[in-house]
Amino acid sequence: MTSAASARFLIVGPQGSGKGTQGVLVAEAFGVPQVATGDIFRENVKGGTDLGKKVQEIIEAGHLVPDELTSELVRDRLEQPDAEHGFLLDGYPRNRGQVEHLDAFLEGRGESLDAVIELVVPRDESISRLQQRASEQGRTDDTEDVIANRLAIYERETAPILDVYRERDLVLRIDGVGTLDEVTERIFAALAGRGLVPNGDASVGAA
């Protein structure tokens, strides 16, 4: 049985899958930080760190943050005290190159991932959710074409990392369609099936 003292997860899913919300719930239950790349970028830029200055220069130039710098930022975050006994990664790794960087980092610490949570949501559902979110937030730039392009990037670059983790028998496929509570219950039930239970509470995730 694995408790919050050892919980190292990834949560993976297309935009609109709800992985940000579900990631927070899983991280809180296991007492580990949710580590999202977008948050790391913003915190470093706002804090004026050396890494943040590099990120800001790249973004302002209209370029994507390269894998090595992204991985360096994540490594720096995972070396902070609150991540000593675990973490939930959201948005990283995004591609196979970043998988290799994460593997090398964890191996160097004698650690390994406990599970990869894959939220499965049909493309039409993702587009519908993102359009609704854009409407609620007044974001006119989130057109159907823009949203479809984001999903295409996910399918082309990020979805293939799941093949790597399936070979390691780490992937838990979760139906991401349903209410927030329904999806949360599915996640905790799947984790419990692997002996991954928050605080050793065997009742969590039970039907």
N, C-alpha and C. Protein backbone atom coordinates (compact mmCIF):
# COMPACT_ATOMS: atom_id res chain seq x y z
N MET A 1 0.84 -1.19 0.00
CA MET A 1 0.00 0.00 0.00
C MET A 1 0.88 1.24 0.00
N THR A 2 0.60 2.16 -0.96
CA THR A 2 1.36 3.40 -1.04
C THR A 2 0.53 4.54 -0.49
N SER A 3 1.09 5.30 0.42
CA SER A 3 0.37 6.43 0.99
C SER A 3 0.97 7.72 0.47
N ALA A 4 0.54 8.84 1.07
CA ALA A 4 1.01 10.14 0.63
C ALA A 4 2.52 10.29 0.79
N ALA A 5 3.15 9.40 1.56
CA ALA A 5 4.59 9.49 1.76
C ALA A 5 5.35 9.13 0.48
N SER A 6 4.67 8.50 -0.46
CA SER A 6 5.31 8.14 -1.72
C SER A 6 4.27 8.15 -2.82
N ALA A 7 4.11 9.27 -3.47
CA ALA A 7 3.10 9.40 -4.52
C ALA A 7 3.65 10.27 -5.63
N ARG A 8 4.05 9.63 -6.71
CA ARG A 8 4.62 10.37 -7.84
C ARG A 8 3.80 10.06 -9.08
N PHE A 9 3.01 11.05 -9.49
CA PHE A 9 2.04 10.85 -10.56
C PHE A 9 2.25 11.83 -11.72
N LEU A 10 1.76 11.42 -12.88
CA LEU A 10 1.52 12.32 -13.99
C LEU A 10 0.03 12.30 -14.26
N ILE A 11 -0.54 13.42 -14.69
CA ILE A 11 -1.91 13.42 -15.19
C ILE A 11 -1.86 13.96 -16.60
N VAL A 12 -2.44 13.21 -17.52
CA VAL A 12 -2.33 13.52 -18.95
C VAL A 12 -3.72 13.52 -19.57
N GLY A 13 -3.97 14.47 -20.45
CA GLY A 13 -5.24 14.52 -21.15
C GLY A 13 -5.27 15.74 -22.04
N PRO A 14 -6.14 15.74 -23.03
CA PRO A 14 -6.23 16.89 -23.93
C PRO A 14 -6.79 18.11 -23.21
N GLN A 15 -6.60 19.27 -23.82
CA GLN A 15 -7.19 20.48 -23.27
C GLN A 15 -8.70 20.26 -23.18
N GLY A 16 -9.29 20.69 -22.07
CA GLY A 16 -10.72 20.50 -21.89
C GLY A 16 -11.08 19.18 -21.24
N SER A 17 -10.07 18.40 -20.87
CA SER A 17 -10.34 17.10 -20.24
C SER A 17 -10.61 17.22 -18.75
N GLY A 18 -10.29 18.40 -18.18
CA GLY A 18 -10.48 18.60 -16.75
C GLY A 18 -9.29 18.18 -15.91
N LYS A 19 -8.14 17.96 -16.57
CA LYS A 19 -6.99 17.44 -15.83
C LYS A 19 -6.46 18.42 -14.79
N GLY A 20 -6.60 19.72 -15.04
CA GLY A 20 -6.14 20.69 -14.06
C GLY A 20 -6.92 20.58 -12.76
N THR A 21 -8.24 20.51 -12.90
CA THR A 21 -9.11 20.40 -11.72
C THR A 21 -8.90 19.08 -11.00
N GLN A 22 -8.88 17.99 -11.76
CA GLN A 22 -8.70 16.67 -11.14
C GLN A 22 -7.31 16.55 -10.53
N GLY A 23 -6.33 17.15 -11.18
CA GLY A 23 -4.97 17.10 -10.65
C GLY A 23 -4.86 17.73 -9.27
N VAL A 24 -5.55 18.86 -9.08
CA VAL A 24 -5.56 19.52 -7.78
C VAL A 24 -6.14 18.59 -6.72
N LEU A 25 -7.24 17.93 -7.04
CA LEU A 25 -7.92 17.04 -6.08
C LEU A 25 -7.04 15.85 -5.70
N VAL A 26 -6.37 15.27 -6.69
CA VAL A 26 -5.50 14.12 -6.41
C VAL A 26 -4.30 14.56 -5.57
N ALA A 27 -3.69 15.68 -5.97
CA ALA A 27 -2.51 16.17 -5.24
C ALA A 27 -2.86 16.49 -3.79
N GLU A 28 -4.00 17.14 -3.57
CA GLU A 28 -4.41 17.48 -2.21
C GLU A 28 -4.66 16.22 -1.38
N ALA A 29 -5.30 15.22 -1.99
CA ALA A 29 -5.61 14.00 -1.26
C ALA A 29 -4.35 13.26 -0.82
N PHE A 30 -3.33 13.29 -1.65
CA PHE A 30 -2.09 12.58 -1.34
C PHE A 30 -1.07 13.46 -0.62
N GLY A 31 -1.41 14.73 -0.44
CA GLY A 31 -0.52 15.62 0.30
C GLY A 31 0.76 15.96 -0.44
N VAL A 32 0.66 16.04 -1.78
CA VAL A 32 1.83 16.38 -2.59
C VAL A 32 1.49 17.60 -3.45
N PRO A 33 2.50 18.34 -3.92
CA PRO A 33 2.21 19.51 -4.74
C PRO A 33 1.80 19.13 -6.16
N GLN A 34 0.86 19.90 -6.71
CA GLN A 34 0.56 19.79 -8.13
C GLN A 34 1.58 20.68 -8.84
N VAL A 35 2.33 20.11 -9.76
CA VAL A 35 3.39 20.84 -10.45
C VAL A 35 2.99 21.00 -11.91
N ALA A 36 2.52 22.21 -12.26
CA ALA A 36 2.07 22.50 -13.62
C ALA A 36 3.09 23.42 -14.28
N THR A 37 3.47 23.07 -15.50
CA THR A 37 4.52 23.84 -16.18
C THR A 37 4.13 25.31 -16.36
N GLY A 38 2.86 25.57 -16.67
CA GLY A 38 2.43 26.96 -16.84
C GLY A 38 2.66 27.76 -15.58
N ASP A 39 2.34 27.17 -14.43
CA ASP A 39 2.55 27.85 -13.15
C ASP A 39 4.04 28.09 -12.90
N ILE A 40 4.86 27.10 -13.23
CA ILE A 40 6.31 27.23 -13.02
C ILE A 40 6.87 28.38 -13.85
N PHE A 41 6.45 28.44 -15.12
CA PHE A 41 6.91 29.54 -15.98
C PHE A 41 6.53 30.89 -15.38
N ARG A 42 5.25 31.03 -15.00
CA ARG A 42 4.78 32.31 -14.48
C ARG A 42 5.50 32.70 -13.19
N GLU A 43 5.69 31.72 -12.29
CA GLU A 43 6.34 32.01 -11.01
C GLU A 43 7.78 32.46 -11.20
N ASN A 44 8.49 31.80 -12.12
CA ASN A 44 9.89 32.17 -12.35
C ASN A 44 10.01 33.53 -13.05
N VAL A 45 9.11 33.79 -13.99
CA VAL A 45 9.14 35.09 -14.67
C VAL A 45 8.80 36.20 -13.67
N LYS A 46 7.75 35.99 -12.88
CA LYS A 46 7.33 36.99 -11.90
C LYS A 46 8.41 37.20 -10.84
N GLY A 47 9.10 36.11 -10.44
CA GLY A 47 10.13 36.21 -9.42
C GLY A 47 11.45 36.73 -9.93
N GLY A 48 11.57 36.88 -11.26
CA GLY A 48 12.80 37.41 -11.83
C GLY A 48 14.00 36.51 -11.67
N THR A 49 13.76 35.17 -11.59
CA THR A 49 14.88 34.24 -11.46
C THR A 49 15.67 34.20 -12.77
N ASP A 50 16.88 33.64 -12.70
CA ASP A 50 17.69 33.52 -13.92
C ASP A 50 16.96 32.69 -14.97
N LEU A 51 16.33 31.58 -14.52
CA LEU A 51 15.59 30.74 -15.46
C LEU A 51 14.37 31.50 -15.99
N GLY A 52 13.74 32.26 -15.11
CA GLY A 52 12.57 33.04 -15.52
C GLY A 52 12.90 34.07 -16.58
N LYS A 53 14.07 34.69 -16.43
CA LYS A 53 14.49 35.69 -17.44
C LYS A 53 14.70 35.03 -18.80
N LYS A 54 15.26 33.81 -18.79
CA LYS A 54 15.45 33.08 -20.05
C LYS A 54 14.10 32.78 -20.70
N VAL A 55 13.15 32.33 -19.86
CA VAL A 55 11.82 32.00 -20.37
C VAL A 55 11.15 33.24 -20.95
N GLN A 56 11.25 34.36 -20.24
CA GLN A 56 10.60 35.58 -20.69
C GLN A 56 11.15 36.04 -22.04
N GLU A 57 12.47 35.97 -22.20
CA GLU A 57 13.09 36.38 -23.46
C GLU A 57 12.59 35.51 -24.61
N ILE A 58 12.48 34.20 -24.35
CA ILE A 58 12.05 33.27 -25.40
C ILE A 58 10.59 33.52 -25.78
N ILE A 59 9.73 33.69 -24.75
CA ILE A 59 8.31 33.90 -25.01
C ILE A 59 8.07 35.23 -25.72
N GLU A 60 8.79 36.27 -25.27
CA GLU A 60 8.61 37.59 -25.89
C GLU A 60 9.08 37.59 -27.34
N ALA A 61 10.00 36.69 -27.66
CA ALA A 61 10.48 36.59 -29.04
C ALA A 61 9.53 35.75 -29.89
N GLY A 62 8.48 35.22 -29.24
CA GLY A 62 7.49 34.44 -29.97
C GLY A 62 7.86 32.99 -30.19
N HIS A 63 8.83 32.50 -29.41
CA HIS A 63 9.27 31.11 -29.58
C HIS A 63 8.73 30.22 -28.46
N LEU A 64 8.76 28.92 -28.69
CA LEU A 64 8.39 27.96 -27.67
C LEU A 64 9.58 27.73 -26.73
N VAL A 65 9.30 27.53 -25.47
CA VAL A 65 10.37 27.23 -24.52
C VAL A 65 10.93 25.85 -24.86
N PRO A 66 12.24 25.74 -25.13
CA PRO A 66 12.81 24.44 -25.52
C PRO A 66 12.74 23.40 -24.42
N ASP A 67 12.79 22.14 -24.82
CA ASP A 67 12.64 21.03 -23.89
C ASP A 67 13.64 21.11 -22.74
N GLU A 68 14.90 21.40 -23.04
CA GLU A 68 15.93 21.37 -22.00
C GLU A 68 15.66 22.42 -20.93
N LEU A 69 15.24 23.62 -21.35
CA LEU A 69 14.95 24.67 -20.37
C LEU A 69 13.69 24.32 -19.57
N THR A 70 12.67 23.79 -20.26
CA THR A 70 11.46 23.37 -19.56
C THR A 70 11.81 22.32 -18.50
N SER A 71 12.63 21.35 -18.89
CA SER A 71 13.02 20.29 -17.96
C SER A 71 13.84 20.84 -16.80
N GLU A 72 14.68 21.83 -17.09
CA GLU A 72 15.49 22.44 -16.03
C GLU A 72 14.58 23.13 -15.00
N LEU A 73 13.55 23.81 -15.49
CA LEU A 73 12.61 24.47 -14.60
C LEU A 73 11.85 23.45 -13.74
N VAL A 74 11.44 22.35 -14.37
CA VAL A 74 10.71 21.31 -13.62
C VAL A 74 11.62 20.66 -12.59
N ARG A 75 12.85 20.37 -12.98
CA ARG A 75 13.80 19.77 -12.03
C ARG A 75 14.00 20.68 -10.83
N ASP A 76 14.15 21.96 -11.10
CA ASP A 76 14.33 22.94 -10.02
C ASP A 76 13.13 22.91 -9.07
N ARG A 77 11.92 22.80 -9.64
CA ARG A 77 10.70 22.77 -8.81
C ARG A 77 10.63 21.47 -8.00
N LEU A 78 11.00 20.35 -8.61
CA LEU A 78 10.89 19.06 -7.92
C LEU A 78 11.96 18.89 -6.84
N GLU A 79 12.97 19.75 -6.87
CA GLU A 79 14.00 19.69 -5.83
C GLU A 79 13.64 20.51 -4.61
N GLN A 80 12.49 21.19 -4.64
CA GLN A 80 12.06 21.97 -3.49
C GLN A 80 11.50 21.03 -2.41
N PRO A 81 11.60 21.43 -1.15
CA PRO A 81 11.24 20.56 -0.02
C PRO A 81 9.85 19.93 -0.09
N ASP A 82 8.86 20.68 -0.58
CA ASP A 82 7.49 20.14 -0.55
C ASP A 82 7.28 18.99 -1.52
N ALA A 83 8.23 18.81 -2.47
CA ALA A 83 8.11 17.72 -3.44
C ALA A 83 9.01 16.54 -3.09
N GLU A 84 9.59 16.58 -1.89
CA GLU A 84 10.55 15.54 -1.49
C GLU A 84 9.92 14.15 -1.49
N HIS A 85 8.67 14.07 -1.08
CA HIS A 85 8.02 12.76 -0.96
C HIS A 85 6.97 12.51 -2.03
N GLY A 86 6.94 13.34 -3.05
CA GLY A 86 6.00 13.09 -4.13
C GLY A 86 5.54 14.35 -4.83
N PHE A 87 4.79 14.15 -5.91
CA PHE A 87 4.31 15.26 -6.72
C PHE A 87 3.27 14.73 -7.70
N LEU A 88 2.53 15.65 -8.29
CA LEU A 88 1.67 15.34 -9.43
C LEU A 88 2.03 16.30 -10.54
N LEU A 89 2.52 15.78 -11.63
CA LEU A 89 2.94 16.61 -12.76
C LEU A 89 1.78 16.81 -13.73
N ASP A 90 1.55 18.06 -14.12
CA ASP A 90 0.47 18.41 -15.05
C ASP A 90 1.08 19.26 -16.17
N GLY A 91 1.07 18.74 -17.38
CA GLY A 91 1.63 19.48 -18.51
C GLY A 91 3.08 19.15 -18.79
N TYR A 92 3.63 18.22 -18.07
CA TYR A 92 5.01 17.79 -18.28
C TYR A 92 5.11 16.32 -17.86
N PRO A 93 5.78 15.49 -18.64
CA PRO A 93 6.42 15.78 -19.92
C PRO A 93 5.39 15.89 -21.05
N ARG A 94 5.73 16.73 -22.04
CA ARG A 94 4.84 16.96 -23.18
C ARG A 94 5.21 16.12 -24.40
N ASN A 95 6.42 15.60 -24.41
CA ASN A 95 6.86 14.82 -25.57
C ASN A 95 7.89 13.80 -25.11
N ARG A 96 8.33 12.96 -26.03
CA ARG A 96 9.26 11.88 -25.68
C ARG A 96 10.60 12.40 -25.17
N GLY A 97 11.05 13.53 -25.71
CA GLY A 97 12.31 14.10 -25.25
C GLY A 97 12.23 14.47 -23.77
N GLN A 98 11.11 15.05 -23.37
CA GLN A 98 10.94 15.43 -21.97
C GLN A 98 10.76 14.19 -21.09
N VAL A 99 10.20 13.11 -21.65
CA VAL A 99 10.11 11.85 -20.90
C VAL A 99 11.51 11.37 -20.54
N GLU A 100 12.43 11.46 -21.49
CA GLU A 100 13.81 11.04 -21.24
C GLU A 100 14.45 11.91 -20.16
N HIS A 101 14.18 13.21 -20.19
CA HIS A 101 14.73 14.11 -19.17
C HIS A 101 14.19 13.75 -17.78
N LEU A 102 12.89 13.48 -17.71
CA LEU A 102 12.28 13.12 -16.43
C LEU A 102 12.83 11.78 -15.93
N ASP A 103 12.96 10.83 -16.83
CA ASP A 103 13.52 9.52 -16.46
C ASP A 103 14.90 9.68 -15.83
N ALA A 104 15.75 10.48 -16.48
CA ALA A 104 17.12 10.67 -16.00
C ALA A 104 17.11 11.33 -14.61
N PHE A 105 16.23 12.31 -14.43
CA PHE A 105 16.14 13.01 -13.14
C PHE A 105 15.72 12.05 -12.03
N LEU A 106 14.66 11.29 -12.28
CA LEU A 106 14.15 10.37 -11.26
C LEU A 106 15.15 9.25 -10.96
N GLU A 107 15.76 8.72 -12.00
CA GLU A 107 16.74 7.66 -11.79
C GLU A 107 17.91 8.15 -10.95
N GLY A 108 18.28 9.41 -11.17
CA GLY A 108 19.38 9.99 -10.40
C GLY A 108 19.05 10.11 -8.93
N ARG A 109 17.76 10.12 -8.60
CA ARG A 109 17.33 10.22 -7.20
C ARG A 109 16.86 8.86 -6.67
N GLY A 110 16.99 7.83 -7.49
CA GLY A 110 16.54 6.51 -7.06
C GLY A 110 15.04 6.43 -6.91
N GLU A 111 14.31 7.20 -7.75
CA GLU A 111 12.85 7.25 -7.68
C GLU A 111 12.24 6.78 -8.98
N SER A 112 10.94 6.56 -8.96
CA SER A 112 10.20 6.21 -10.17
C SER A 112 8.76 6.66 -10.03
N LEU A 113 8.05 6.73 -11.14
CA LEU A 113 6.65 7.11 -11.11
C LEU A 113 5.80 5.97 -10.56
N ASP A 114 4.73 6.35 -9.88
CA ASP A 114 3.79 5.35 -9.36
C ASP A 114 2.64 5.10 -10.31
N ALA A 115 2.20 6.13 -11.04
CA ALA A 115 1.08 5.96 -11.96
C ALA A 115 1.00 7.15 -12.90
N VAL A 116 0.42 6.90 -14.08
CA VAL A 116 0.13 7.94 -15.05
C VAL A 116 -1.38 7.91 -15.27
N ILE A 117 -2.05 8.99 -14.89
CA ILE A 117 -3.50 9.09 -15.00
C ILE A 117 -3.83 9.69 -16.36
N GLU A 118 -4.49 8.92 -17.22
CA GLU A 118 -4.88 9.42 -18.54
C GLU A 118 -6.38 9.69 -18.55
N LEU A 119 -6.75 10.94 -18.73
CA LEU A 119 -8.17 11.29 -18.84
C LEU A 119 -8.57 11.22 -20.31
N VAL A 120 -9.50 10.33 -20.59
CA VAL A 120 -9.93 10.09 -21.98
C VAL A 120 -11.23 10.84 -22.25
N VAL A 121 -11.17 11.78 -23.18
CA VAL A 121 -12.34 12.59 -23.55
C VAL A 121 -12.40 12.68 -25.07
N PRO A 122 -13.55 12.39 -25.68
CA PRO A 122 -13.68 12.51 -27.14
C PRO A 122 -13.35 13.93 -27.61
N ARG A 123 -12.82 14.01 -28.82
CA ARG A 123 -12.41 15.32 -29.35
C ARG A 123 -13.58 16.31 -29.36
N ASP A 124 -14.76 15.86 -29.80
CA ASP A 124 -15.93 16.76 -29.86
C ASP A 124 -16.27 17.31 -28.48
N GLU A 125 -16.13 16.47 -27.46
CA GLU A 125 -16.42 16.90 -26.08
C GLU A 125 -15.40 17.94 -25.63
N SER A 126 -14.11 17.71 -25.96
CA SER A 126 -13.07 18.68 -25.60
C SER A 126 -13.34 20.03 -26.24
N ILE A 127 -13.67 20.01 -27.53
CA ILE A 127 -13.94 21.26 -28.26
C ILE A 127 -15.13 21.98 -27.65
N SER A 128 -16.20 21.23 -27.34
CA SER A 128 -17.39 21.83 -26.75
C SER A 128 -17.07 22.49 -25.40
N ARG A 129 -16.30 21.78 -24.56
CA ARG A 129 -15.95 22.33 -23.25
C ARG A 129 -15.10 23.59 -23.38
N LEU A 130 -14.14 23.56 -24.30
CA LEU A 130 -13.25 24.71 -24.46
C LEU A 130 -13.98 25.91 -25.03
N GLN A 131 -14.92 25.65 -25.94
CA GLN A 131 -15.71 26.76 -26.49
C GLN A 131 -16.58 27.38 -25.39
N GLN A 132 -17.14 26.54 -24.54
CA GLN A 132 -17.97 27.05 -23.44
C GLN A 132 -17.12 27.88 -22.48
N ARG A 133 -15.91 27.37 -22.17
CA ARG A 133 -15.02 28.10 -21.27
C ARG A 133 -14.63 29.44 -21.88
N ALA A 134 -14.32 29.46 -23.17
CA ALA A 134 -13.93 30.70 -23.85
C ALA A 134 -15.07 31.70 -23.81
N SER A 135 -16.30 31.20 -24.00
CA SER A 135 -17.47 32.08 -23.98
C SER A 135 -17.67 32.67 -22.59
N GLU A 136 -17.54 31.82 -21.57
CA GLU A 136 -17.73 32.29 -20.19
C GLU A 136 -16.67 33.30 -19.79
N GLN A 137 -15.45 33.13 -20.33
CA GLN A 137 -14.35 34.02 -19.96
C GLN A 137 -14.21 35.20 -20.93
N GLY A 138 -15.07 35.25 -21.95
CA GLY A 138 -15.02 36.33 -22.92
C GLY A 138 -13.79 36.30 -23.80
N ARG A 139 -13.27 35.11 -24.05
CA ARG A 139 -12.05 34.98 -24.87
C ARG A 139 -12.43 34.74 -26.32
N THR A 140 -12.43 35.82 -27.09
CA THR A 140 -12.84 35.72 -28.49
C THR A 140 -11.77 35.09 -29.38
N ASP A 141 -10.53 34.98 -28.86
CA ASP A 141 -9.45 34.42 -29.67
C ASP A 141 -9.50 32.89 -29.68
N ASP A 142 -10.28 32.29 -28.78
CA ASP A 142 -10.38 30.83 -28.73
C ASP A 142 -11.46 30.35 -29.70
N THR A 143 -11.16 30.45 -31.00
CA THR A 143 -12.10 30.00 -32.01
C THR A 143 -12.02 28.48 -32.15
N GLU A 144 -12.96 27.89 -32.87
CA GLU A 144 -12.95 26.44 -33.05
C GLU A 144 -11.67 25.99 -33.75
N ASP A 145 -11.18 26.79 -34.72
CA ASP A 145 -9.94 26.43 -35.43
C ASP A 145 -8.74 26.44 -34.49
N VAL A 146 -8.68 27.46 -33.62
CA VAL A 146 -7.57 27.56 -32.67
C VAL A 146 -7.60 26.38 -31.70
N ILE A 147 -8.79 26.07 -31.20
CA ILE A 147 -8.95 24.95 -30.27
C ILE A 147 -8.58 23.64 -30.94
N ALA A 148 -9.04 23.45 -32.18
CA ALA A 148 -8.73 22.22 -32.91
C ALA A 148 -7.23 22.07 -33.13
N ASN A 149 -6.55 23.20 -33.35
CA ASN A 149 -5.10 23.15 -33.55
C ASN A 149 -4.39 22.74 -32.28
N ARG A 150 -4.86 23.24 -31.13
CA ARG A 150 -4.27 22.84 -29.85
C ARG A 150 -4.43 21.34 -29.62
N LEU A 151 -5.61 20.83 -29.94
CA LEU A 151 -5.86 19.41 -29.75
C LEU A 151 -4.99 18.58 -30.71
N ALA A 152 -4.78 19.10 -31.91
CA ALA A 152 -3.94 18.38 -32.88
C ALA A 152 -2.50 18.30 -32.37
N ILE A 153 -2.01 19.37 -31.74
CA ILE A 153 -0.66 19.37 -31.18
C ILE A 153 -0.58 18.33 -30.06
N TYR A 154 -1.61 18.28 -29.21
CA TYR A 154 -1.63 17.27 -28.14
C TYR A 154 -1.57 15.87 -28.73
N GLU A 155 -2.41 15.63 -29.74
CA GLU A 155 -2.49 14.29 -30.33
C GLU A 155 -1.17 13.89 -31.01
N ARG A 156 -0.50 14.88 -31.59
CA ARG A 156 0.73 14.61 -32.32
C ARG A 156 1.94 14.47 -31.40
N GLU A 157 2.03 15.32 -30.38
CA GLU A 157 3.25 15.36 -29.56
C GLU A 157 3.11 14.71 -28.19
N THR A 158 1.97 14.93 -27.53
CA THR A 158 1.85 14.47 -26.15
C THR A 158 1.26 13.08 -26.03
N ALA A 159 0.21 12.78 -26.78
CA ALA A 159 -0.42 11.46 -26.69
C ALA A 159 0.58 10.31 -26.85
N PRO A 160 1.59 10.42 -27.74
CA PRO A 160 2.54 9.32 -27.90
C PRO A 160 3.35 8.97 -26.64
N ILE A 161 3.47 9.91 -25.68
CA ILE A 161 4.23 9.56 -24.47
C ILE A 161 3.50 8.47 -23.68
N LEU A 162 2.20 8.37 -23.90
CA LEU A 162 1.44 7.35 -23.19
C LEU A 162 1.86 5.94 -23.61
N ASP A 163 2.31 5.80 -24.86
CA ASP A 163 2.80 4.50 -25.32
C ASP A 163 4.01 4.06 -24.49
N VAL A 164 4.87 5.03 -24.17
CA VAL A 164 6.06 4.73 -23.36
C VAL A 164 5.63 4.22 -21.99
N TYR A 165 4.67 4.91 -21.39
CA TYR A 165 4.25 4.54 -20.03
C TYR A 165 3.37 3.29 -20.02
N ARG A 166 2.68 3.02 -21.14
CA ARG A 166 1.91 1.77 -21.20
C ARG A 166 2.85 0.57 -21.18
N GLU A 167 3.98 0.71 -21.85
CA GLU A 167 4.96 -0.38 -21.85
C GLU A 167 5.48 -0.66 -20.45
N ARG A 168 5.42 0.34 -19.58
CA ARG A 168 5.86 0.19 -18.19
C ARG A 168 4.69 -0.17 -17.26
N ASP A 169 3.51 -0.35 -17.86
CA ASP A 169 2.30 -0.69 -17.11
C ASP A 169 1.98 0.35 -16.04
N LEU A 170 2.09 1.62 -16.41
CA LEU A 170 1.83 2.70 -15.46
C LEU A 170 0.54 3.46 -15.75
N VAL A 171 -0.05 3.26 -16.94
CA VAL A 171 -1.17 4.10 -17.37
C VAL A 171 -2.50 3.58 -16.83
N LEU A 172 -3.24 4.50 -16.22
CA LEU A 172 -4.61 4.23 -15.78
C LEU A 172 -5.53 5.05 -16.68
N ARG A 173 -6.27 4.39 -17.56
CA ARG A 173 -7.18 5.09 -18.48
C ARG A 173 -8.49 5.38 -17.75
N ILE A 174 -8.83 6.66 -17.68
CA ILE A 174 -10.01 7.10 -16.95
C ILE A 174 -10.98 7.77 -17.91
N ASP A 175 -12.24 7.34 -17.90
CA ASP A 175 -13.27 8.00 -18.69
C ASP A 175 -13.49 9.39 -18.12
N GLY A 176 -13.16 10.41 -18.90
CA GLY A 176 -13.25 11.78 -18.41
C GLY A 176 -14.58 12.45 -18.65
N VAL A 177 -15.58 11.69 -19.16
CA VAL A 177 -16.90 12.26 -19.41
C VAL A 177 -17.81 11.94 -18.23
N GLY A 178 -18.45 12.96 -17.69
CA GLY A 178 -19.33 12.79 -16.54
C GLY A 178 -19.21 13.99 -15.62
N THR A 179 -19.82 13.90 -14.48
CA THR A 179 -19.71 15.01 -13.52
C THR A 179 -18.32 15.01 -12.91
N LEU A 180 -17.98 16.14 -12.28
CA LEU A 180 -16.68 16.25 -11.62
C LEU A 180 -16.50 15.12 -10.61
N ASP A 181 -17.52 14.90 -9.80
CA ASP A 181 -17.42 13.86 -8.76
C ASP A 181 -17.29 12.47 -9.36
N GLU A 182 -18.01 12.20 -10.44
CA GLU A 182 -17.94 10.88 -11.07
C GLU A 182 -16.54 10.58 -11.57
N VAL A 183 -15.94 11.57 -12.22
CA VAL A 183 -14.59 11.37 -12.75
C VAL A 183 -13.58 11.22 -11.61
N THR A 184 -13.74 12.03 -10.57
CA THR A 184 -12.85 11.94 -9.41
C THR A 184 -12.93 10.54 -8.79
N GLU A 185 -14.14 10.02 -8.63
CA GLU A 185 -14.31 8.69 -8.04
C GLU A 185 -13.63 7.62 -8.90
N ARG A 186 -13.72 7.75 -10.22
CA ARG A 186 -13.06 6.79 -11.11
C ARG A 186 -11.55 6.81 -10.93
N ILE A 187 -11.01 8.03 -10.79
CA ILE A 187 -9.56 8.16 -10.62
C ILE A 187 -9.11 7.48 -9.33
N PHE A 188 -9.78 7.79 -8.23
CA PHE A 188 -9.36 7.22 -6.94
C PHE A 188 -9.58 5.71 -6.89
N ALA A 189 -10.62 5.23 -7.56
CA ALA A 189 -10.85 3.79 -7.60
C ALA A 189 -9.73 3.10 -8.37
N ALA A 190 -9.31 3.71 -9.48
CA ALA A 190 -8.22 3.13 -10.29
C ALA A 190 -6.90 3.14 -9.52
N LEU A 191 -6.64 4.24 -8.82
CA LEU A 191 -5.42 4.33 -8.01
C LEU A 191 -5.44 3.30 -6.89
N ALA A 192 -6.60 3.16 -6.24
CA ALA A 192 -6.73 2.19 -5.16
C ALA A 192 -6.50 0.78 -5.67
N GLY A 193 -6.90 0.53 -6.92
CA GLY A 193 -6.68 -0.78 -7.51
C GLY A 193 -5.21 -1.11 -7.68
N ARG A 194 -4.37 -0.08 -7.67
CA ARG A 194 -2.91 -0.26 -7.74
C ARG A 194 -2.28 -0.16 -6.36
N GLY A 195 -3.11 -0.08 -5.31
CA GLY A 195 -2.57 0.05 -3.96
C GLY A 195 -2.12 1.44 -3.63
N LEU A 196 -2.59 2.42 -4.41
CA LEU A 196 -2.21 3.82 -4.20
C LEU A 196 -3.38 4.53 -3.53
N VAL A 197 -3.28 4.67 -2.21
CA VAL A 197 -4.39 5.20 -1.42
C VAL A 197 -3.93 6.36 -0.56
N PRO A 198 -4.64 7.49 -0.60
CA PRO A 198 -4.24 8.65 0.23
C PRO A 198 -4.20 8.29 1.71
N ASN A 199 -3.08 8.60 2.35
CA ASN A 199 -2.95 8.42 3.80
C ASN A 199 -3.28 7.01 4.26
N GLY A 200 -3.14 6.06 3.36
CA GLY A 200 -3.40 4.67 3.73
C GLY A 200 -4.86 4.38 3.99
N ASP A 201 -5.77 5.25 3.53
CA ASP A 201 -7.20 5.05 3.77
C ASP A 201 -7.78 4.16 2.69
N ALA A 202 -7.95 2.89 3.01
CA ALA A 202 -8.42 1.92 2.03
C ALA A 202 -9.85 2.17 1.56
N SER A 203 -10.56 3.05 2.25
CA SER A 203 -11.96 3.30 1.87
C SER A 203 -12.06 4.29 0.72
N VAL A 204 -11.00 5.04 0.47
CA VAL A 204 -11.03 6.05 -0.59
C VAL A 204 -11.12 5.35 -1.94
N GLY A 205 -12.03 5.84 -2.75
CA GLY A 205 -12.18 5.28 -4.08
C GLY A 205 -13.03 4.03 -4.09
N ALA A 206 -13.46 3.56 -2.94
CA ALA A 206 -14.30 2.38 -2.92
C ALA A 206 -15.66 2.71 -3.49
N ALA A 207 -16.28 1.71 -4.12
CA ALA A 207 -17.58 1.95 -4.74
C ALA A 207 -18.65 2.12 -3.68
